[in-house]
Amino acid sequence: MKTSAIILAGGFSKRFGHDKGLVDLAGKPLVLHVLDRIAKVANETLIVVSSAGQKDVFMSFIKAPIKVLIDQHSQRSPIVGALTGFKHASGEYSLLLPCDTPFVSKKVASLLLDLCVNKGAVIPRWPNRYIEPLQAAYHTESALNASETAYKGKRLAMRFMVDNLSGVRYVSTLVLQQIDPRLMTFFNVNTTEDLKKAESMLKRLNTYSFSLPR
């Protein structure tokens, strides 16, 4: 079974003043932290950006065979990036990830892909029923069709893509906690305060041999 990992990195952060994936965390861009964490979890890795300029910057530090793709539509929306990724992915199943989760768990990612066999998608869900469609596994062809349908209907929220899928399996975060007790896999760097927290965690990792689930 061939699999793909798709990282969405097309977003521009007003808080940081530049592309989200390029935000510096401990001396390297956020997107490289994600790449390091999920190394070899899939047969191929794709990064989706929103412009040729972004692609040039990412290509300056992204090594082959990782592919950098440009959104095929001009609207900036995760569903546009997802659609582009699914269209170019060669894997039967694809892991979809954001570029701002520096502590993403390889074990969680691998589990989602494993559980996705013969399913339309496997999506983490919190006890309050909030779902994590941007850290989930999808049947690639089904997700491509679902995202194209949502886009054509001008329904650009990820939940509309999920609504167009059949055979969706939801995995409770309570189950995932057995792998990642603090659920750091879902920690997003959205603010300067989040960035400080991430830096503090990495310092603890280096100083006190604090380990994160992989």
N, C-alpha and C. Protein backbone atom coordinates (compact mmCIF):
# COMPACT_ATOMS: atom_id res chain seq x y z
N MET A 1 0.84 -1.20 0.00
CA MET A 1 0.00 0.00 0.00
C MET A 1 0.87 1.25 0.00
N LYS A 2 0.75 2.06 -1.03
CA LYS A 2 1.55 3.28 -1.12
C LYS A 2 0.81 4.43 -0.43
N THR A 3 1.55 5.23 0.32
CA THR A 3 0.95 6.33 1.06
C THR A 3 1.68 7.64 0.77
N SER A 4 0.98 8.73 1.00
CA SER A 4 1.55 10.07 0.81
C SER A 4 1.33 10.89 2.06
N ALA A 5 2.24 11.83 2.29
CA ALA A 5 2.07 12.82 3.36
C ALA A 5 2.01 14.19 2.69
N ILE A 6 0.95 14.93 2.97
CA ILE A 6 0.73 16.24 2.38
C ILE A 6 0.78 17.29 3.48
N ILE A 7 1.71 18.22 3.36
CA ILE A 7 1.84 19.29 4.36
C ILE A 7 1.38 20.60 3.74
N LEU A 8 0.41 21.24 4.36
CA LEU A 8 -0.11 22.50 3.86
C LEU A 8 0.69 23.66 4.42
N ALA A 9 1.34 24.40 3.54
CA ALA A 9 2.25 25.47 3.99
C ALA A 9 2.01 26.78 3.23
N GLY A 10 0.79 26.97 2.74
CA GLY A 10 0.52 28.15 1.93
C GLY A 10 0.05 29.37 2.70
N GLY A 11 -0.17 29.20 4.01
CA GLY A 11 -0.75 30.29 4.79
C GLY A 11 0.24 31.40 5.13
N PHE A 12 -0.27 32.63 5.10
CA PHE A 12 0.52 33.79 5.53
C PHE A 12 0.05 34.21 6.91
N SER A 13 0.99 34.39 7.83
CA SER A 13 0.64 34.76 9.20
C SER A 13 0.81 36.26 9.41
N LYS A 14 -0.28 36.96 9.69
CA LYS A 14 -0.21 38.38 9.99
C LYS A 14 0.53 38.62 11.29
N ARG A 15 0.38 37.69 12.24
CA ARG A 15 1.04 37.85 13.53
C ARG A 15 2.56 37.82 13.39
N PHE A 16 3.05 36.94 12.50
CA PHE A 16 4.49 36.79 12.34
C PHE A 16 5.04 37.59 11.17
N GLY A 17 4.16 38.06 10.31
CA GLY A 17 4.59 38.91 9.22
C GLY A 17 5.15 38.20 8.01
N HIS A 18 5.07 36.88 7.98
CA HIS A 18 5.53 36.13 6.80
C HIS A 18 4.87 34.76 6.81
N ASP A 19 5.28 33.92 5.87
CA ASP A 19 4.65 32.61 5.72
C ASP A 19 4.78 31.78 6.98
N LYS A 20 3.69 31.10 7.33
CA LYS A 20 3.64 30.34 8.58
C LYS A 20 4.73 29.27 8.64
N GLY A 21 4.93 28.57 7.55
CA GLY A 21 5.91 27.49 7.57
C GLY A 21 7.34 27.96 7.74
N LEU A 22 7.58 29.27 7.54
CA LEU A 22 8.93 29.82 7.65
C LEU A 22 9.23 30.41 9.02
N VAL A 23 8.23 30.41 9.91
CA VAL A 23 8.45 30.92 11.26
C VAL A 23 9.61 30.16 11.91
N ASP A 24 10.55 30.87 12.48
CA ASP A 24 11.73 30.25 13.05
C ASP A 24 11.47 29.69 14.44
N LEU A 25 11.74 28.42 14.61
CA LEU A 25 11.65 27.77 15.91
C LEU A 25 12.96 27.05 16.15
N ALA A 26 13.72 27.52 17.12
CA ALA A 26 15.00 26.91 17.49
C ALA A 26 15.96 26.81 16.30
N GLY A 27 15.95 27.85 15.48
CA GLY A 27 16.93 27.91 14.41
C GLY A 27 16.55 27.28 13.09
N LYS A 28 15.32 26.79 12.99
CA LYS A 28 14.89 26.26 11.70
C LYS A 28 13.39 26.48 11.51
N PRO A 29 12.95 26.55 10.25
CA PRO A 29 11.53 26.83 9.97
C PRO A 29 10.60 25.75 10.55
N LEU A 30 9.41 26.19 10.91
CA LEU A 30 8.41 25.26 11.45
C LEU A 30 8.21 24.04 10.55
N VAL A 31 8.15 24.28 9.25
CA VAL A 31 7.86 23.16 8.35
C VAL A 31 8.93 22.08 8.43
N LEU A 32 10.17 22.46 8.73
CA LEU A 32 11.23 21.45 8.86
C LEU A 32 11.04 20.61 10.12
N HIS A 33 10.49 21.20 11.17
CA HIS A 33 10.19 20.42 12.37
C HIS A 33 9.16 19.34 12.04
N VAL A 34 8.14 19.73 11.26
CA VAL A 34 7.11 18.76 10.87
C VAL A 34 7.73 17.66 10.01
N LEU A 35 8.55 18.06 9.03
CA LEU A 35 9.19 17.07 8.16
C LEU A 35 10.06 16.09 8.96
N ASP A 36 10.81 16.61 9.91
CA ASP A 36 11.66 15.74 10.73
C ASP A 36 10.82 14.76 11.55
N ARG A 37 9.71 15.22 12.06
CA ARG A 37 8.88 14.38 12.93
C ARG A 37 8.22 13.23 12.16
N ILE A 38 7.87 13.48 10.89
CA ILE A 38 7.14 12.45 10.14
C ILE A 38 8.02 11.77 9.09
N ALA A 39 9.32 11.90 9.21
CA ALA A 39 10.22 11.29 8.24
C ALA A 39 9.90 9.80 8.06
N LYS A 40 9.72 9.40 6.83
CA LYS A 40 9.49 8.00 6.44
C LYS A 40 8.16 7.43 6.91
N VAL A 41 7.25 8.28 7.37
CA VAL A 41 5.93 7.77 7.75
C VAL A 41 5.12 7.39 6.50
N ALA A 42 5.46 8.01 5.36
CA ALA A 42 4.77 7.73 4.10
C ALA A 42 5.79 7.51 3.01
N ASN A 43 5.34 7.00 1.88
CA ASN A 43 6.25 6.70 0.77
C ASN A 43 6.70 7.97 0.04
N GLU A 44 5.90 9.02 0.12
CA GLU A 44 6.28 10.29 -0.49
C GLU A 44 5.77 11.44 0.37
N THR A 45 6.43 12.58 0.25
CA THR A 45 6.01 13.76 0.98
C THR A 45 5.85 14.93 0.02
N LEU A 46 4.71 15.61 0.14
CA LEU A 46 4.40 16.77 -0.69
C LEU A 46 4.17 17.97 0.21
N ILE A 47 4.69 19.13 -0.18
CA ILE A 47 4.41 20.38 0.52
C ILE A 47 3.66 21.28 -0.44
N VAL A 48 2.54 21.83 0.01
CA VAL A 48 1.73 22.68 -0.85
C VAL A 48 1.85 24.13 -0.38
N VAL A 49 2.25 25.01 -1.29
CA VAL A 49 2.37 26.44 -1.01
C VAL A 49 1.43 27.20 -1.94
N SER A 50 1.35 28.52 -1.75
CA SER A 50 0.33 29.28 -2.48
C SER A 50 0.85 30.08 -3.66
N SER A 51 2.16 30.18 -3.85
CA SER A 51 2.67 31.00 -4.94
C SER A 51 4.03 30.50 -5.40
N ALA A 52 4.44 30.98 -6.60
CA ALA A 52 5.75 30.62 -7.13
C ALA A 52 6.86 31.18 -6.25
N GLY A 53 6.62 32.39 -5.70
CA GLY A 53 7.61 32.98 -4.80
C GLY A 53 7.82 32.13 -3.57
N GLN A 54 6.72 31.65 -2.98
CA GLN A 54 6.82 30.76 -1.83
C GLN A 54 7.58 29.49 -2.20
N LYS A 55 7.26 28.94 -3.36
CA LYS A 55 7.92 27.70 -3.78
C LYS A 55 9.42 27.91 -3.88
N ASP A 56 9.85 29.04 -4.44
CA ASP A 56 11.27 29.31 -4.58
C ASP A 56 11.96 29.33 -3.22
N VAL A 57 11.31 29.97 -2.23
CA VAL A 57 11.90 30.05 -0.89
C VAL A 57 11.98 28.67 -0.27
N PHE A 58 10.91 27.91 -0.36
CA PHE A 58 10.90 26.57 0.24
C PHE A 58 11.90 25.65 -0.45
N MET A 59 12.01 25.77 -1.76
CA MET A 59 12.94 24.91 -2.50
C MET A 59 14.39 25.21 -2.13
N SER A 60 14.64 26.39 -1.57
CA SER A 60 16.01 26.73 -1.21
C SER A 60 16.51 25.92 -0.01
N PHE A 61 15.59 25.36 0.78
CA PHE A 61 16.05 24.56 1.92
C PHE A 61 15.38 23.19 2.01
N ILE A 62 14.44 22.90 1.13
CA ILE A 62 13.81 21.58 1.10
C ILE A 62 14.58 20.68 0.15
N LYS A 63 14.96 19.51 0.61
CA LYS A 63 15.75 18.61 -0.20
C LYS A 63 14.86 17.59 -0.91
N ALA A 64 15.31 17.19 -2.11
CA ALA A 64 14.62 16.12 -2.83
C ALA A 64 14.72 14.84 -1.99
N PRO A 65 13.78 13.92 -2.13
CA PRO A 65 12.72 13.85 -3.13
C PRO A 65 11.41 14.53 -2.70
N ILE A 66 11.42 15.34 -1.67
CA ILE A 66 10.21 16.05 -1.26
C ILE A 66 9.79 17.02 -2.35
N LYS A 67 8.51 16.98 -2.72
CA LYS A 67 8.00 17.84 -3.78
C LYS A 67 7.31 19.07 -3.18
N VAL A 68 7.53 20.21 -3.81
CA VAL A 68 6.85 21.45 -3.41
C VAL A 68 5.90 21.84 -4.52
N LEU A 69 4.62 21.93 -4.21
CA LEU A 69 3.57 22.21 -5.19
C LEU A 69 2.95 23.58 -4.93
N ILE A 70 2.38 24.17 -5.96
CA ILE A 70 1.70 25.46 -5.84
C ILE A 70 0.19 25.22 -5.94
N ASP A 71 -0.58 25.86 -5.06
CA ASP A 71 -2.03 25.76 -5.10
C ASP A 71 -2.54 25.98 -6.53
N GLN A 72 -3.47 25.14 -6.95
CA GLN A 72 -3.98 25.29 -8.31
C GLN A 72 -5.08 26.34 -8.41
N HIS A 73 -5.54 26.84 -7.29
CA HIS A 73 -6.54 27.92 -7.29
C HIS A 73 -5.99 29.08 -6.46
N SER A 74 -6.50 30.28 -6.75
CA SER A 74 -5.93 31.48 -6.12
C SER A 74 -6.42 31.72 -4.69
N GLN A 75 -7.59 31.20 -4.33
CA GLN A 75 -8.10 31.42 -2.99
C GLN A 75 -7.19 30.76 -1.95
N ARG A 76 -6.94 31.50 -0.86
CA ARG A 76 -6.13 30.93 0.23
C ARG A 76 -7.06 30.25 1.22
N SER A 77 -7.05 28.95 1.18
CA SER A 77 -7.92 28.16 2.05
C SER A 77 -7.31 26.77 2.18
N PRO A 78 -7.39 26.17 3.37
CA PRO A 78 -6.85 24.81 3.52
C PRO A 78 -7.43 23.82 2.52
N ILE A 79 -8.69 24.01 2.15
CA ILE A 79 -9.30 23.05 1.24
C ILE A 79 -8.67 23.14 -0.16
N VAL A 80 -8.21 24.33 -0.53
CA VAL A 80 -7.53 24.50 -1.81
C VAL A 80 -6.18 23.78 -1.77
N GLY A 81 -5.46 23.95 -0.68
CA GLY A 81 -4.19 23.23 -0.53
C GLY A 81 -4.39 21.73 -0.50
N ALA A 82 -5.42 21.29 0.21
CA ALA A 82 -5.71 19.86 0.28
C ALA A 82 -6.03 19.30 -1.10
N LEU A 83 -6.86 20.04 -1.83
CA LEU A 83 -7.24 19.61 -3.18
C LEU A 83 -6.00 19.44 -4.06
N THR A 84 -5.11 20.43 -4.01
CA THR A 84 -3.87 20.35 -4.80
C THR A 84 -3.03 19.15 -4.39
N GLY A 85 -2.90 18.94 -3.08
CA GLY A 85 -2.13 17.81 -2.60
C GLY A 85 -2.71 16.48 -3.03
N PHE A 86 -4.01 16.33 -2.86
CA PHE A 86 -4.65 15.07 -3.24
C PHE A 86 -4.51 14.81 -4.75
N LYS A 87 -4.57 15.88 -5.54
CA LYS A 87 -4.49 15.73 -6.99
C LYS A 87 -3.13 15.20 -7.42
N HIS A 88 -2.07 15.59 -6.72
CA HIS A 88 -0.71 15.20 -7.10
C HIS A 88 -0.16 14.01 -6.32
N ALA A 89 -0.85 13.60 -5.28
CA ALA A 89 -0.38 12.48 -4.47
C ALA A 89 -0.51 11.17 -5.23
N SER A 90 0.49 10.34 -5.15
CA SER A 90 0.46 9.05 -5.83
C SER A 90 0.04 7.92 -4.90
N GLY A 91 -0.02 8.21 -3.60
CA GLY A 91 -0.41 7.20 -2.64
C GLY A 91 -1.90 6.92 -2.65
N GLU A 92 -2.27 5.68 -2.36
CA GLU A 92 -3.69 5.34 -2.28
C GLU A 92 -4.34 6.05 -1.10
N TYR A 93 -3.55 6.23 -0.04
CA TYR A 93 -4.03 6.95 1.15
C TYR A 93 -3.06 8.08 1.45
N SER A 94 -3.61 9.19 1.94
CA SER A 94 -2.79 10.37 2.20
C SER A 94 -3.00 10.90 3.61
N LEU A 95 -1.90 11.24 4.23
CA LEU A 95 -1.92 11.91 5.52
C LEU A 95 -1.88 13.41 5.26
N LEU A 96 -2.81 14.15 5.83
CA LEU A 96 -2.88 15.60 5.65
C LEU A 96 -2.45 16.27 6.95
N LEU A 97 -1.50 17.22 6.84
CA LEU A 97 -0.96 17.88 8.01
C LEU A 97 -0.78 19.37 7.76
N PRO A 98 -0.88 20.20 8.81
CA PRO A 98 -0.52 21.61 8.69
C PRO A 98 0.99 21.76 8.90
N CYS A 99 1.52 22.93 8.56
CA CYS A 99 2.96 23.14 8.69
C CYS A 99 3.36 23.70 10.04
N ASP A 100 2.38 23.90 10.93
CA ASP A 100 2.66 24.61 12.20
C ASP A 100 2.49 23.74 13.43
N THR A 101 2.66 22.42 13.26
CA THR A 101 2.54 21.49 14.39
C THR A 101 3.89 20.83 14.63
N PRO A 102 4.80 21.51 15.32
CA PRO A 102 6.18 21.03 15.44
C PRO A 102 6.37 19.77 16.26
N PHE A 103 5.32 19.35 17.00
CA PHE A 103 5.43 18.16 17.82
C PHE A 103 4.51 17.04 17.33
N VAL A 104 4.19 17.08 16.05
CA VAL A 104 3.33 16.05 15.48
C VAL A 104 3.95 14.68 15.75
N SER A 105 3.12 13.72 16.12
CA SER A 105 3.59 12.39 16.49
C SER A 105 3.59 11.45 15.30
N LYS A 106 4.75 10.88 15.03
CA LYS A 106 4.85 9.90 13.95
C LYS A 106 3.98 8.68 14.24
N LYS A 107 3.91 8.28 15.51
CA LYS A 107 3.09 7.11 15.86
C LYS A 107 1.61 7.38 15.63
N VAL A 108 1.16 8.58 15.97
CA VAL A 108 -0.23 8.93 15.72
C VAL A 108 -0.48 8.97 14.22
N ALA A 109 0.43 9.59 13.48
CA ALA A 109 0.28 9.69 12.03
C ALA A 109 0.23 8.30 11.39
N SER A 110 1.09 7.42 11.82
CA SER A 110 1.12 6.06 11.28
C SER A 110 -0.16 5.31 11.60
N LEU A 111 -0.66 5.50 12.82
CA LEU A 111 -1.91 4.85 13.22
C LEU A 111 -3.07 5.32 12.34
N LEU A 112 -3.16 6.61 12.09
CA LEU A 112 -4.24 7.14 11.27
C LEU A 112 -4.20 6.54 9.87
N LEU A 113 -3.00 6.42 9.31
CA LEU A 113 -2.87 5.81 7.98
C LEU A 113 -3.26 4.34 8.00
N ASP A 114 -2.84 3.63 9.02
CA ASP A 114 -3.17 2.20 9.13
C ASP A 114 -4.68 1.99 9.24
N LEU A 115 -5.31 2.83 10.05
CA LEU A 115 -6.75 2.69 10.26
C LEU A 115 -7.57 3.10 9.04
N CYS A 116 -6.94 3.84 8.12
CA CYS A 116 -7.67 4.38 6.97
C CYS A 116 -7.90 3.35 5.88
N VAL A 117 -7.23 2.21 5.95
CA VAL A 117 -7.40 1.19 4.91
C VAL A 117 -8.89 0.82 4.80
N ASN A 118 -9.39 0.90 3.58
CA ASN A 118 -10.80 0.61 3.27
C ASN A 118 -11.78 1.61 3.88
N LYS A 119 -11.28 2.77 4.26
CA LYS A 119 -12.14 3.85 4.76
C LYS A 119 -11.99 5.08 3.88
N GLY A 120 -12.96 5.98 3.97
CA GLY A 120 -12.86 7.23 3.23
C GLY A 120 -11.92 8.20 3.93
N ALA A 121 -11.90 8.11 5.25
CA ALA A 121 -11.03 8.97 6.05
C ALA A 121 -10.99 8.48 7.48
N VAL A 122 -9.93 8.84 8.18
CA VAL A 122 -9.83 8.61 9.62
C VAL A 122 -9.44 9.95 10.24
N ILE A 123 -10.34 10.48 11.07
CA ILE A 123 -10.17 11.84 11.58
C ILE A 123 -10.25 11.84 13.11
N PRO A 124 -9.25 12.42 13.77
CA PRO A 124 -9.32 12.54 15.24
C PRO A 124 -10.51 13.41 15.66
N ARG A 125 -11.11 13.04 16.79
CA ARG A 125 -12.24 13.82 17.29
C ARG A 125 -12.14 13.96 18.81
N TRP A 126 -12.29 15.20 19.30
CA TRP A 126 -12.23 15.50 20.72
C TRP A 126 -13.54 15.14 21.40
N PRO A 127 -13.54 14.99 22.72
CA PRO A 127 -14.77 14.67 23.45
C PRO A 127 -15.91 15.66 23.21
N ASN A 128 -15.56 16.93 22.91
CA ASN A 128 -16.60 17.92 22.61
C ASN A 128 -17.08 17.85 21.16
N ARG A 129 -16.58 16.82 20.44
CA ARG A 129 -16.94 16.51 19.06
C ARG A 129 -16.26 17.42 18.03
N TYR A 130 -15.34 18.26 18.47
CA TYR A 130 -14.53 19.03 17.55
C TYR A 130 -13.59 18.07 16.83
N ILE A 131 -13.48 18.21 15.51
CA ILE A 131 -12.65 17.28 14.74
C ILE A 131 -11.37 17.96 14.26
N GLU A 132 -10.40 17.14 13.88
CA GLU A 132 -9.09 17.61 13.41
C GLU A 132 -8.88 17.17 11.96
N PRO A 133 -9.60 17.78 11.00
CA PRO A 133 -9.47 17.35 9.61
C PRO A 133 -8.12 17.68 8.99
N LEU A 134 -7.34 18.57 9.64
CA LEU A 134 -6.02 18.92 9.12
C LEU A 134 -4.90 18.09 9.76
N GLN A 135 -5.29 17.10 10.53
CA GLN A 135 -4.32 16.11 10.99
C GLN A 135 -5.03 14.76 10.95
N ALA A 136 -5.23 14.31 9.72
CA ALA A 136 -6.08 13.15 9.47
C ALA A 136 -5.57 12.39 8.25
N ALA A 137 -6.09 11.18 8.06
CA ALA A 137 -5.74 10.36 6.90
C ALA A 137 -6.95 10.21 6.00
N TYR A 138 -6.71 10.16 4.70
CA TYR A 138 -7.78 10.12 3.72
C TYR A 138 -7.49 9.12 2.61
N HIS A 139 -8.57 8.52 2.09
CA HIS A 139 -8.44 7.79 0.83
C HIS A 139 -8.27 8.86 -0.23
N THR A 140 -7.14 8.86 -0.92
CA THR A 140 -6.74 10.00 -1.75
C THR A 140 -7.76 10.35 -2.83
N GLU A 141 -8.18 9.38 -3.60
CA GLU A 141 -9.12 9.66 -4.69
C GLU A 141 -10.45 10.17 -4.17
N SER A 142 -10.93 9.55 -3.10
CA SER A 142 -12.21 9.99 -2.52
C SER A 142 -12.10 11.42 -2.00
N ALA A 143 -10.98 11.72 -1.35
CA ALA A 143 -10.79 13.05 -0.80
C ALA A 143 -10.64 14.10 -1.90
N LEU A 144 -9.99 13.72 -2.99
CA LEU A 144 -9.87 14.64 -4.13
C LEU A 144 -11.26 14.98 -4.67
N ASN A 145 -12.07 13.97 -4.87
CA ASN A 145 -13.43 14.21 -5.37
C ASN A 145 -14.24 15.05 -4.39
N ALA A 146 -14.10 14.75 -3.12
CA ALA A 146 -14.86 15.47 -2.09
C ALA A 146 -14.43 16.93 -2.00
N SER A 147 -13.12 17.17 -2.10
CA SER A 147 -12.63 18.54 -2.02
C SER A 147 -12.99 19.34 -3.27
N GLU A 148 -12.97 18.69 -4.43
CA GLU A 148 -13.37 19.37 -5.66
C GLU A 148 -14.85 19.75 -5.63
N THR A 149 -15.67 18.85 -5.10
CA THR A 149 -17.10 19.14 -4.98
C THR A 149 -17.34 20.32 -4.05
N ALA A 150 -16.64 20.34 -2.92
CA ALA A 150 -16.79 21.45 -1.98
C ALA A 150 -16.31 22.75 -2.60
N TYR A 151 -15.19 22.69 -3.32
CA TYR A 151 -14.65 23.91 -3.93
C TYR A 151 -15.60 24.46 -4.99
N LYS A 152 -16.09 23.60 -5.84
CA LYS A 152 -17.01 24.04 -6.90
C LYS A 152 -18.28 24.64 -6.32
N GLY A 153 -18.67 24.16 -5.13
CA GLY A 153 -19.85 24.71 -4.47
C GLY A 153 -19.54 25.93 -3.62
N LYS A 154 -18.28 26.41 -3.71
CA LYS A 154 -17.82 27.58 -2.95
C LYS A 154 -17.99 27.38 -1.44
N ARG A 155 -17.80 26.16 -1.02
CA ARG A 155 -17.86 25.82 0.41
C ARG A 155 -16.45 25.43 0.82
N LEU A 156 -15.70 26.42 1.29
CA LEU A 156 -14.25 26.27 1.44
C LEU A 156 -13.79 25.82 2.82
N ALA A 157 -14.69 25.60 3.74
CA ALA A 157 -14.30 25.07 5.05
C ALA A 157 -14.06 23.57 4.92
N MET A 158 -13.08 23.06 5.66
CA MET A 158 -12.73 21.65 5.57
C MET A 158 -13.89 20.73 5.91
N ARG A 159 -14.78 21.20 6.77
CA ARG A 159 -15.89 20.32 7.18
C ARG A 159 -16.78 19.96 6.00
N PHE A 160 -16.83 20.83 4.99
CA PHE A 160 -17.66 20.54 3.82
C PHE A 160 -17.04 19.44 2.98
N MET A 161 -15.72 19.39 2.92
CA MET A 161 -15.06 18.28 2.24
C MET A 161 -15.39 16.98 2.98
N VAL A 162 -15.27 17.02 4.31
CA VAL A 162 -15.57 15.83 5.11
C VAL A 162 -17.02 15.39 4.91
N ASP A 163 -17.93 16.35 4.81
CA ASP A 163 -19.35 16.02 4.60
C ASP A 163 -19.56 15.27 3.28
N ASN A 164 -18.68 15.48 2.32
CA ASN A 164 -18.82 14.83 1.01
C ASN A 164 -18.19 13.44 0.96
N LEU A 165 -17.59 13.01 2.06
CA LEU A 165 -16.95 11.71 2.11
C LEU A 165 -17.87 10.66 2.71
N SER A 166 -17.71 9.44 2.26
CA SER A 166 -18.41 8.32 2.88
C SER A 166 -17.37 7.44 3.56
N GLY A 167 -17.81 6.66 4.54
CA GLY A 167 -16.90 5.75 5.22
C GLY A 167 -15.89 6.47 6.09
N VAL A 168 -16.32 7.55 6.75
CA VAL A 168 -15.41 8.29 7.63
C VAL A 168 -15.40 7.64 9.01
N ARG A 169 -14.21 7.40 9.51
CA ARG A 169 -14.05 6.85 10.86
C ARG A 169 -13.44 7.92 11.76
N TYR A 170 -14.06 8.14 12.89
CA TYR A 170 -13.55 9.12 13.85
C TYR A 170 -12.85 8.38 14.99
N VAL A 171 -11.66 8.87 15.32
CA VAL A 171 -10.88 8.27 16.40
C VAL A 171 -10.82 9.27 17.55
N SER A 172 -11.26 8.83 18.71
CA SER A 172 -11.27 9.71 19.86
C SER A 172 -9.86 10.11 20.28
N THR A 173 -9.71 11.37 20.66
CA THR A 173 -8.41 11.82 21.18
C THR A 173 -8.07 11.09 22.48
N LEU A 174 -9.08 10.55 23.14
CA LEU A 174 -8.82 9.77 24.36
C LEU A 174 -8.04 8.49 24.01
N VAL A 175 -8.32 7.95 22.84
CA VAL A 175 -7.57 6.78 22.37
C VAL A 175 -6.15 7.20 21.99
N LEU A 176 -6.03 8.32 21.30
CA LEU A 176 -4.72 8.79 20.86
C LEU A 176 -3.84 9.18 22.04
N GLN A 177 -4.47 9.49 23.16
CA GLN A 177 -3.71 9.84 24.36
C GLN A 177 -2.88 8.68 24.88
N GLN A 178 -3.25 7.48 24.51
CA GLN A 178 -2.47 6.32 24.91
C GLN A 178 -1.10 6.31 24.20
N ILE A 179 -1.03 6.98 23.06
CA ILE A 179 0.21 7.10 22.32
C ILE A 179 0.93 8.40 22.67
N ASP A 180 0.16 9.46 22.77
CA ASP A 180 0.69 10.81 23.01
C ASP A 180 -0.04 11.38 24.22
N PRO A 181 0.42 11.08 25.44
CA PRO A 181 -0.33 11.40 26.66
C PRO A 181 -0.76 12.86 26.79
N ARG A 182 0.05 13.79 26.32
CA ARG A 182 -0.31 15.21 26.43
C ARG A 182 -0.90 15.76 25.13
N LEU A 183 -1.09 14.88 24.15
CA LEU A 183 -1.65 15.26 22.86
C LEU A 183 -0.94 16.46 22.24
N MET A 184 0.38 16.47 22.38
CA MET A 184 1.17 17.54 21.80
C MET A 184 1.17 17.50 20.27
N THR A 185 0.75 16.38 19.73
CA THR A 185 0.66 16.27 18.28
C THR A 185 -0.24 17.34 17.68
N PHE A 186 -1.21 17.83 18.48
CA PHE A 186 -2.16 18.84 17.98
C PHE A 186 -1.76 20.27 18.35
N PHE A 187 -0.59 20.44 18.94
CA PHE A 187 -0.17 21.78 19.35
C PHE A 187 0.20 22.62 18.12
N ASN A 188 -0.54 23.70 17.90
CA ASN A 188 -0.29 24.60 16.77
C ASN A 188 0.42 25.86 17.23
N VAL A 189 1.34 26.32 16.42
CA VAL A 189 1.99 27.61 16.69
C VAL A 189 1.22 28.68 15.91
N ASN A 190 0.29 29.32 16.59
CA ASN A 190 -0.54 30.35 15.96
C ASN A 190 -0.19 31.76 16.42
N THR A 191 0.46 31.88 17.58
CA THR A 191 0.76 33.18 18.14
C THR A 191 2.21 33.21 18.63
N THR A 192 2.69 34.40 18.95
CA THR A 192 4.04 34.50 19.51
C THR A 192 4.13 33.78 20.85
N GLU A 193 3.01 33.75 21.59
CA GLU A 193 2.98 33.03 22.86
C GLU A 193 3.13 31.53 22.62
N ASP A 194 2.47 31.02 21.59
CA ASP A 194 2.62 29.60 21.23
C ASP A 194 4.06 29.30 20.86
N LEU A 195 4.68 30.22 20.14
CA LEU A 195 6.07 30.02 19.73
C LEU A 195 6.99 29.95 20.95
N LYS A 196 6.74 30.81 21.94
CA LYS A 196 7.53 30.78 23.17
C LYS A 196 7.35 29.45 23.90
N LYS A 197 6.11 28.95 23.92
CA LYS A 197 5.85 27.67 24.57
C LYS A 197 6.61 26.54 23.86
N ALA A 198 6.59 26.59 22.54
CA ALA A 198 7.29 25.56 21.76
C ALA A 198 8.79 25.63 22.02
N GLU A 199 9.33 26.83 22.08
CA GLU A 199 10.76 26.99 22.35
C GLU A 199 11.12 26.45 23.73
N SER A 200 10.23 26.70 24.71
CA SER A 200 10.46 26.21 26.07
C SER A 200 10.46 24.69 26.09
N MET A 201 9.55 24.08 25.36
CA MET A 201 9.49 22.62 25.31
C MET A 201 10.75 22.03 24.70
N LEU A 202 11.23 22.67 23.64
CA LEU A 202 12.44 22.16 22.99
C LEU A 202 13.66 22.31 23.90
N LYS A 203 13.69 23.38 24.68
CA LYS A 203 14.79 23.56 25.63
C LYS A 203 14.75 22.47 26.70
N ARG A 204 13.55 22.14 27.16
CA ARG A 204 13.41 21.06 28.13
C ARG A 204 13.86 19.74 27.53
N LEU A 205 13.54 19.55 26.27
CA LEU A 205 13.94 18.33 25.56
C LEU A 205 15.46 18.21 25.54
N ASN A 206 16.14 19.32 25.25
CA ASN A 206 17.59 19.30 25.14
C ASN A 206 18.30 19.27 26.49
N THR A 207 17.69 19.93 27.49
CA THR A 207 18.36 20.09 28.79
C THR A 207 18.09 18.94 29.75
N TYR A 208 16.84 18.47 29.74
CA TYR A 208 16.46 17.48 30.74
C TYR A 208 16.12 16.12 30.13
N SER A 209 16.49 15.96 28.87
CA SER A 209 16.19 14.70 28.17
C SER A 209 14.70 14.39 28.20
N PHE A 210 13.91 15.47 28.20
CA PHE A 210 12.46 15.31 28.10
C PHE A 210 12.13 14.80 26.72
N SER A 211 11.37 13.75 26.64
CA SER A 211 11.09 13.18 25.31
C SER A 211 9.64 13.33 24.94
N LEU A 212 9.42 13.51 23.65
CA LEU A 212 8.08 13.59 23.12
C LEU A 212 7.76 12.30 22.39
N PRO A 213 6.53 11.84 22.43
CA PRO A 213 6.17 10.63 21.71
C PRO A 213 6.39 10.79 20.23
N ARG A 214 6.99 9.80 19.63
CA ARG A 214 7.15 9.82 18.17
C ARG A 214 6.33 8.70 17.55
